[in-house]
């Protein structure tokens, strides 16, 4: 028969295990963004995933996993270099199958087509659910703490460029639209 002390210890171990799994989930989320790993990213999100991203001059809202993955596929492409890191997670386990997290993140983005360089930080607020024994992101929202953009006089000299090899290759007539965070082109005018 289990004692109350043993049950309390088992619950504490489960809580710490859940927190560690959620931390790994968020790290994988950012890694998948920066490497445009759409297949793995799909597995980290619920089918009804939603997000809202508020930046200096944009607000992006996705109301479904496929919509979000389409944006990531278009935006994290061969004409970009990105780097995202999350810091200091504040994770609350709400139940055996629900949790929320607050993350402080920083990022850098080089857009070669527009020669724009962005650096900033923000606060990510996530809601997680545990499905079939695995934590997934159900909702994500971030708002910038600060964001700086600069137009570079020339593209940076890269000695490595992962997205250049593995990211989506855009047509020559692609145009970046900052308001949507997406690339647009006329397939009939290729």
C-alpha atoms as a PDB file:
ATOM      1  CA  UNK A   1       0.000   0.000   0.000  1.00  0.00           C
ATOM      2  CA  UNK A   2       1.327   3.446  -0.936  1.00  0.00           C
ATOM      3  CA  UNK A   3       1.862   5.985   1.802  1.00  0.00           C
ATOM      4  CA  UNK A   4       0.782   9.630   1.416  1.00  0.00           C
ATOM      5  CA  UNK A   5       4.483  10.613   1.386  1.00  0.00           C
ATOM      6  CA  UNK A   6       5.196   8.214  -1.486  1.00  0.00           C
ATOM      7  CA  UNK A   7       2.196   9.507  -3.448  1.00  0.00           C
ATOM      8  CA  UNK A   8       3.305  13.126  -2.890  1.00  0.00           C
ATOM      9  CA  UNK A   9       6.813  12.260  -4.068  1.00  0.00           C
ATOM     10  CA  UNK A  10       5.460  10.458  -7.150  1.00  0.00           C
ATOM     11  CA  UNK A  11       3.290  13.490  -7.992  1.00  0.00           C
ATOM     12  CA  UNK A  12       6.303  15.817  -7.603  1.00  0.00           C
ATOM     13  CA  UNK A  13       8.434  13.619  -9.874  1.00  0.00           C
ATOM     14  CA  UNK A  14       5.654  13.613 -12.489  1.00  0.00           C
ATOM     15  CA  UNK A  15       5.355  17.416 -12.275  1.00  0.00           C
ATOM     16  CA  UNK A  16       9.118  17.841 -12.790  1.00  0.00           C
ATOM     17  CA  UNK A  17       9.072  15.316 -15.648  1.00  0.00           C
ATOM     18  CA  UNK A  18       6.239  17.229 -17.327  1.00  0.00           C
ATOM     19  CA  UNK A  19       8.121  20.531 -16.965  1.00  0.00           C
ATOM     20  CA  UNK A  20      11.249  19.003 -18.530  1.00  0.00           C
ATOM     21  CA  UNK A  21       9.215  17.578 -21.422  1.00  0.00           C
ATOM     22  CA  UNK A  22       7.619  20.987 -22.051  1.00  0.00           C
ATOM     23  CA  UNK A  23      11.034  22.668 -22.026  1.00  0.00           C
ATOM     24  CA  UNK A  24      12.263  20.166 -24.615  1.00  0.00           C
ATOM     25  CA  UNK A  25       9.089  20.791 -26.648  1.00  0.00           C
ATOM     26  CA  UNK A  26       9.707  24.555 -26.783  1.00  0.00           C
ATOM     27  CA  UNK A  27      13.382  24.086 -27.665  1.00  0.00           C
ATOM     28  CA  UNK A  28      12.377  21.748 -30.501  1.00  0.00           C
ATOM     29  CA  UNK A  29       9.773  24.309 -31.650  1.00  0.00           C
ATOM     30  CA  UNK A  30      12.425  27.002 -32.117  1.00  0.00           C
ATOM     31  CA  UNK A  31      14.893  24.562 -33.700  1.00  0.00           C
ATOM     32  CA  UNK A  32      12.237  23.494 -36.196  1.00  0.00           C
ATOM     33  CA  UNK A  33      11.491  27.136 -37.065  1.00  0.00           C
ATOM     34  CA  UNK A  34      15.142  27.979 -37.714  1.00  0.00           C
ATOM     35  CA  UNK A  35      15.688  24.867 -39.825  1.00  0.00           C
ATOM     36  CA  UNK A  36      12.291  24.927 -41.582  1.00  0.00           C
ATOM     37  CA  UNK A  37      11.624  21.395 -40.368  1.00  0.00           C
ATOM     38  CA  UNK A  38       7.911  21.441 -41.152  1.00  0.00           C
ATOM     39  CA  UNK A  39       7.335  17.708 -40.640  1.00  0.00           C
ATOM     40  CA  UNK A  40       8.717  17.669 -37.098  1.00  0.00           C
ATOM     41  CA  UNK A  41       7.071  20.998 -36.259  1.00  0.00           C
ATOM     42  CA  UNK A  42       3.690  19.522 -37.258  1.00  0.00           C
ATOM     43  CA  UNK A  43       4.161  16.806 -34.615  1.00  0.00           C
ATOM     44  CA  UNK A  44       4.794  19.422 -31.896  1.00  0.00           C
ATOM     45  CA  UNK A  45       1.483  21.226 -32.456  1.00  0.00           C
ATOM     46  CA  UNK A  46      -2.128  20.193 -31.938  1.00  0.00           C
ATOM     47  CA  UNK A  47      -4.338  20.042 -35.041  1.00  0.00           C
ATOM     48  CA  UNK A  48      -6.307  23.045 -33.694  1.00  0.00           C
ATOM     49  CA  UNK A  49      -3.144  25.056 -32.922  1.00  0.00           C
ATOM     50  CA  UNK A  50      -3.551  28.833 -32.977  1.00  0.00           C
ATOM     51  CA  UNK A  51      -1.059  31.626 -32.622  1.00  0.00           C
ATOM     52  CA  UNK A  52      -0.865  35.388 -32.446  1.00  0.00           C
ATOM     53  CA  UNK A  53       2.393  37.270 -32.960  1.00  0.00           C
ATOM     54  CA  UNK A  54       2.605  41.000 -32.245  1.00  0.00           C
ATOM     55  CA  UNK A  55       5.711  42.796 -33.498  1.00  0.00           C
ATOM     56  CA  UNK A  56       6.782  46.352 -34.125  1.00  0.00           C
ATOM     57  CA  UNK A  57       4.908  46.730 -37.410  1.00  0.00           C
ATOM     58  CA  UNK A  58       2.927  43.537 -37.711  1.00  0.00           C
ATOM     59  CA  UNK A  59       0.359  41.319 -36.121  1.00  0.00           C
ATOM     60  CA  UNK A  60       0.173  37.779 -37.449  1.00  0.00           C
ATOM     61  CA  UNK A  61      -2.690  35.464 -36.479  1.00  0.00           C
ATOM     62  CA  UNK A  62      -3.015  31.812 -37.518  1.00  0.00           C
ATOM     63  CA  UNK A  63      -6.187  29.921 -36.723  1.00  0.00           C
ATOM     64  CA  UNK A  64      -4.998  26.438 -37.504  1.00  0.00           C
ATOM     65  CA  UNK A  65      -1.888  24.291 -37.620  1.00  0.00           C
ATOM     66  CA  UNK A  66      -1.862  24.015 -41.427  1.00  0.00           C
ATOM     67  CA  UNK A  67      -2.169  27.778 -41.843  1.00  0.00           C
ATOM     68  CA  UNK A  68       0.742  28.327 -39.458  1.00  0.00           C
ATOM     69  CA  UNK A  69       2.897  25.661 -41.123  1.00  0.00           C
ATOM     70  CA  UNK A  70       2.239  27.270 -44.519  1.00  0.00           C
ATOM     71  CA  UNK A  71       3.520  30.593 -43.195  1.00  0.00           C
ATOM     72  CA  UNK A  72       6.611  28.953 -41.693  1.00  0.00           C
ATOM     73  CA  UNK A  73       7.326  27.104 -44.946  1.00  0.00           C
ATOM     74  CA  UNK A  74       7.108  30.348 -46.923  1.00  0.00           C
ATOM     75  CA  UNK A  75       8.886  32.601 -44.421  1.00  0.00           C
ATOM     76  CA  UNK A  76      11.748  30.390 -43.241  1.00  0.00           C
ATOM     77  CA  UNK A  77      13.170  29.917 -46.722  1.00  0.00           C
ATOM     78  CA  UNK A  78      16.443  29.984 -48.645  1.00  0.00           C
ATOM     79  CA  UNK A  79      16.487  33.812 -48.596  1.00  0.00           C
ATOM     80  CA  UNK A  80      16.535  33.977 -44.794  1.00  0.00           C
ATOM     81  CA  UNK A  81      18.738  33.272 -41.818  1.00  0.00           C
ATOM     82  CA  UNK A  82      16.983  33.091 -38.455  1.00  0.00           C
ATOM     83  CA  UNK A  83      17.905  32.348 -34.859  1.00  0.00           C
ATOM     84  CA  UNK A  84      15.422  31.989 -31.976  1.00  0.00           C
ATOM     85  CA  UNK A  85      16.201  31.178 -28.354  1.00  0.00           C
ATOM     86  CA  UNK A  86      13.906  30.945 -25.346  1.00  0.00           C
ATOM     87  CA  UNK A  87      15.065  31.704 -21.827  1.00  0.00           C
ATOM     88  CA  UNK A  88      13.866  31.364 -18.263  1.00  0.00           C
ATOM     89  CA  UNK A  89      10.724  29.277 -18.687  1.00  0.00           C
ATOM     90  CA  UNK A  90       7.949  29.784 -16.151  1.00  0.00           C
ATOM     91  CA  UNK A  91       5.845  26.644 -16.551  1.00  0.00           C
ATOM     92  CA  UNK A  92       2.722  25.874 -14.557  1.00  0.00           C
ATOM     93  CA  UNK A  93       1.216  22.396 -14.657  1.00  0.00           C
ATOM     94  CA  UNK A  94      -2.530  22.999 -14.456  1.00  0.00           C
ATOM     95  CA  UNK A  95      -3.650  19.355 -14.541  1.00  0.00           C
ATOM     96  CA  UNK A  96      -2.231  16.011 -15.709  1.00  0.00           C
ATOM     97  CA  UNK A  97      -3.057  17.050 -19.286  1.00  0.00           C
ATOM     98  CA  UNK A  98      -2.813  20.876 -19.320  1.00  0.00           C
ATOM     99  CA  UNK A  99      -0.050  23.395 -18.709  1.00  0.00           C
ATOM    100  CA  UNK A 100       0.866  26.955 -19.499  1.00  0.00           C
ATOM    101  CA  UNK A 101       4.231  28.578 -20.013  1.00  0.00           C
ATOM    102  CA  UNK A 102       5.781  32.022 -20.174  1.00  0.00           C
ATOM    103  CA  UNK A 103       9.087  32.300 -22.027  1.00  0.00           C
ATOM    104  CA  UNK A 104      11.390  35.239 -22.634  1.00  0.00           C
ATOM    105  CA  UNK A 105      12.781  34.847 -26.148  1.00  0.00           C
ATOM    106  CA  UNK A 106      15.300  36.588 -28.379  1.00  0.00           C
ATOM    107  CA  UNK A 107      15.687  36.364 -32.122  1.00  0.00           C
ATOM    108  CA  UNK A 108      17.669  37.588 -35.082  1.00  0.00           C
ATOM    109  CA  UNK A 109      16.406  37.521 -38.658  1.00  0.00           C
ATOM    110  CA  UNK A 110      18.257  38.335 -41.882  1.00  0.00           C
ATOM    111  CA  UNK A 111      16.074  38.770 -44.961  1.00  0.00           C
ATOM    112  CA  UNK A 112      18.401  38.768 -47.975  1.00  0.00           C
ATOM    113  CA  UNK A 113      15.786  39.944 -50.478  1.00  0.00           C
ATOM    114  CA  UNK A 114      14.967  43.114 -48.550  1.00  0.00           C
ATOM    115  CA  UNK A 115      18.411  43.343 -46.880  1.00  0.00           C
ATOM    116  CA  UNK A 116      16.592  43.779 -43.601  1.00  0.00           C
ATOM    117  CA  UNK A 117      18.112  42.687 -40.308  1.00  0.00           C
ATOM    118  CA  UNK A 118      15.848  42.307 -37.270  1.00  0.00           C
ATOM    119  CA  UNK A 119      16.874  41.749 -33.681  1.00  0.00           C
ATOM    120  CA  UNK A 120      14.502  41.667 -30.758  1.00  0.00           C
ATOM    121  CA  UNK A 121      13.057  40.053 -27.682  1.00  0.00           C
ATOM    122  CA  UNK A 122       9.573  39.198 -26.586  1.00  0.00           C
ATOM    123  CA  UNK A 123       7.366  37.234 -24.256  1.00  0.00           C
ATOM    124  CA  UNK A 124       5.834  33.969 -25.458  1.00  0.00           C
ATOM    125  CA  UNK A 125       2.726  32.732 -23.677  1.00  0.00           C
ATOM    126  CA  UNK A 126       1.870  29.128 -24.518  1.00  0.00           C
ATOM    127  CA  UNK A 127      -0.864  26.683 -23.597  1.00  0.00           C
ATOM    128  CA  UNK A 128       0.023  22.989 -23.753  1.00  0.00           C
ATOM    129  CA  UNK A 129      -2.038  19.832 -23.741  1.00  0.00           C
ATOM    130  CA  UNK A 130      -0.913  16.252 -23.221  1.00  0.00           C
ATOM    131  CA  UNK A 131      -2.290  13.946 -25.907  1.00  0.00           C
ATOM    132  CA  UNK A 132      -1.567  10.223 -25.914  1.00  0.00           C
ATOM    133  CA  UNK A 133       1.207  10.753 -23.365  1.00  0.00           C
ATOM    134  CA  UNK A 134       2.963  13.560 -25.271  1.00  0.00           C
ATOM    135  CA  UNK A 135       2.916  17.310 -24.631  1.00  0.00           C
ATOM    136  CA  UNK A 136       1.984  19.552 -27.582  1.00  0.00           C
ATOM    137  CA  UNK A 137       1.553  23.291 -28.079  1.00  0.00           C
ATOM    138  CA  UNK A 138      -2.110  24.213 -28.478  1.00  0.00           C
ATOM    139  CA  UNK A 139      -1.853  28.004 -28.446  1.00  0.00           C
ATOM    140  CA  UNK A 140       1.067  30.397 -28.635  1.00  0.00           C
ATOM    141  CA  UNK A 141       1.143  34.154 -28.413  1.00  0.00           C
ATOM    142  CA  UNK A 142       3.999  36.563 -28.288  1.00  0.00           C
ATOM    143  CA  UNK A 143       4.380  40.292 -27.898  1.00  0.00           C
ATOM    144  CA  UNK A 144       7.623  42.135 -28.431  1.00  0.00           C
ATOM    145  CA  UNK A 145       9.535  43.701 -25.571  1.00  0.00           C
ATOM    146  CA  UNK A 146      11.655  45.420 -28.209  1.00  0.00           C
ATOM    147  CA  UNK A 147      12.361  45.065 -31.904  1.00  0.00           C
ATOM    148  CA  UNK A 148      15.008  46.811 -34.006  1.00  0.00           C
ATOM    149  CA  UNK A 149      15.193  46.614 -37.779  1.00  0.00           C
ATOM    150  CA  UNK A 150      18.032  47.882 -39.946  1.00  0.00           C
ATOM    151  CA  UNK A 151      18.488  47.921 -43.683  1.00  0.00           C
ATOM    152  CA  UNK A 152      21.925  46.531 -44.498  1.00  0.00           C
ATOM    153  CA  UNK A 153      24.004  48.075 -47.252  1.00  0.00           C
ATOM    154  CA  UNK A 154      24.980  44.582 -48.390  1.00  0.00           C
ATOM    155  CA  UNK A 155      24.055  41.006 -47.513  1.00  0.00           C
ATOM    156  CA  UNK A 156      26.081  39.469 -44.679  1.00  0.00           C
ATOM    157  CA  UNK A 157      29.045  37.262 -45.555  1.00  0.00           C
ATOM    158  CA  UNK A 158      27.850  33.776 -44.559  1.00  0.00           C
ATOM    159  CA  UNK A 159      30.183  30.844 -44.164  1.00  0.00           C
ATOM    160  CA  UNK A 160      27.256  28.519 -43.356  1.00  0.00           C
ATOM    161  CA  UNK A 161      23.612  28.808 -44.443  1.00  0.00           C
ATOM    162  CA  UNK A 162      21.359  25.907 -43.488  1.00  0.00           C
ATOM    163  CA  UNK A 163      18.153  27.381 -44.926  1.00  0.00           C
ATOM    164  CA  UNK A 164      20.017  28.130 -48.152  1.00  0.00           C
ATOM    165  CA  UNK A 165      20.336  24.368 -48.636  1.00  0.00           C
ATOM    166  CA  UNK A 166      17.248  23.057 -46.833  1.00  0.00           C
ATOM    167  CA  UNK A 167      14.736  25.912 -46.889  1.00  0.00           C
ATOM    168  CA  UNK A 168      12.055  26.427 -49.488  1.00  0.00           C
ATOM    169  CA  UNK A 169      13.495  27.717 -52.768  1.00  0.00           C
ATOM    170  CA  UNK A 170      11.486  30.747 -53.865  1.00  0.00           C
ATOM    171  CA  UNK A 171      10.763  31.720 -57.481  1.00  0.00           C
ATOM    172  CA  UNK A 172      12.779  34.636 -58.878  1.00  0.00           C
ATOM    173  CA  UNK A 173       9.687  36.853 -58.919  1.00  0.00           C
ATOM    174  CA  UNK A 174       8.867  36.347 -55.217  1.00  0.00           C
ATOM    175  CA  UNK A 175       8.246  39.511 -53.219  1.00  0.00           C
ATOM    176  CA  UNK A 176       8.305  39.668 -49.422  1.00  0.00           C
ATOM    177  CA  UNK A 177       5.228  41.352 -47.878  1.00  0.00           C
ATOM    178  CA  UNK A 178       6.112  42.478 -44.320  1.00  0.00           C
ATOM    179  CA  UNK A 179       2.481  42.967 -43.266  1.00  0.00           C
ATOM    180  CA  UNK A 180       1.735  39.268 -43.782  1.00  0.00           C
ATOM    181  CA  UNK A 181       5.207  37.864 -43.136  1.00  0.00           C
ATOM    182  CA  UNK A 182       4.850  35.889 -46.369  1.00  0.00           C
ATOM    183  CA  UNK A 183       6.312  35.769 -49.820  1.00  0.00           C
ATOM    184  CA  UNK A 184       3.961  36.374 -52.723  1.00  0.00           C
ATOM    185  CA  UNK A 185       4.420  35.782 -56.420  1.00  0.00           C
ATOM    186  CA  UNK A 186       2.437  35.457 -59.591  1.00  0.00           C
ATOM    187  CA  UNK A 187       2.904  31.860 -60.835  1.00  0.00           C
ATOM    188  CA  UNK A 188       1.819  32.991 -64.329  1.00  0.00           C
ATOM    189  CA  UNK A 189       4.601  35.582 -64.381  1.00  0.00           C
ATOM    190  CA  UNK A 190       7.494  33.284 -63.492  1.00  0.00           C
END
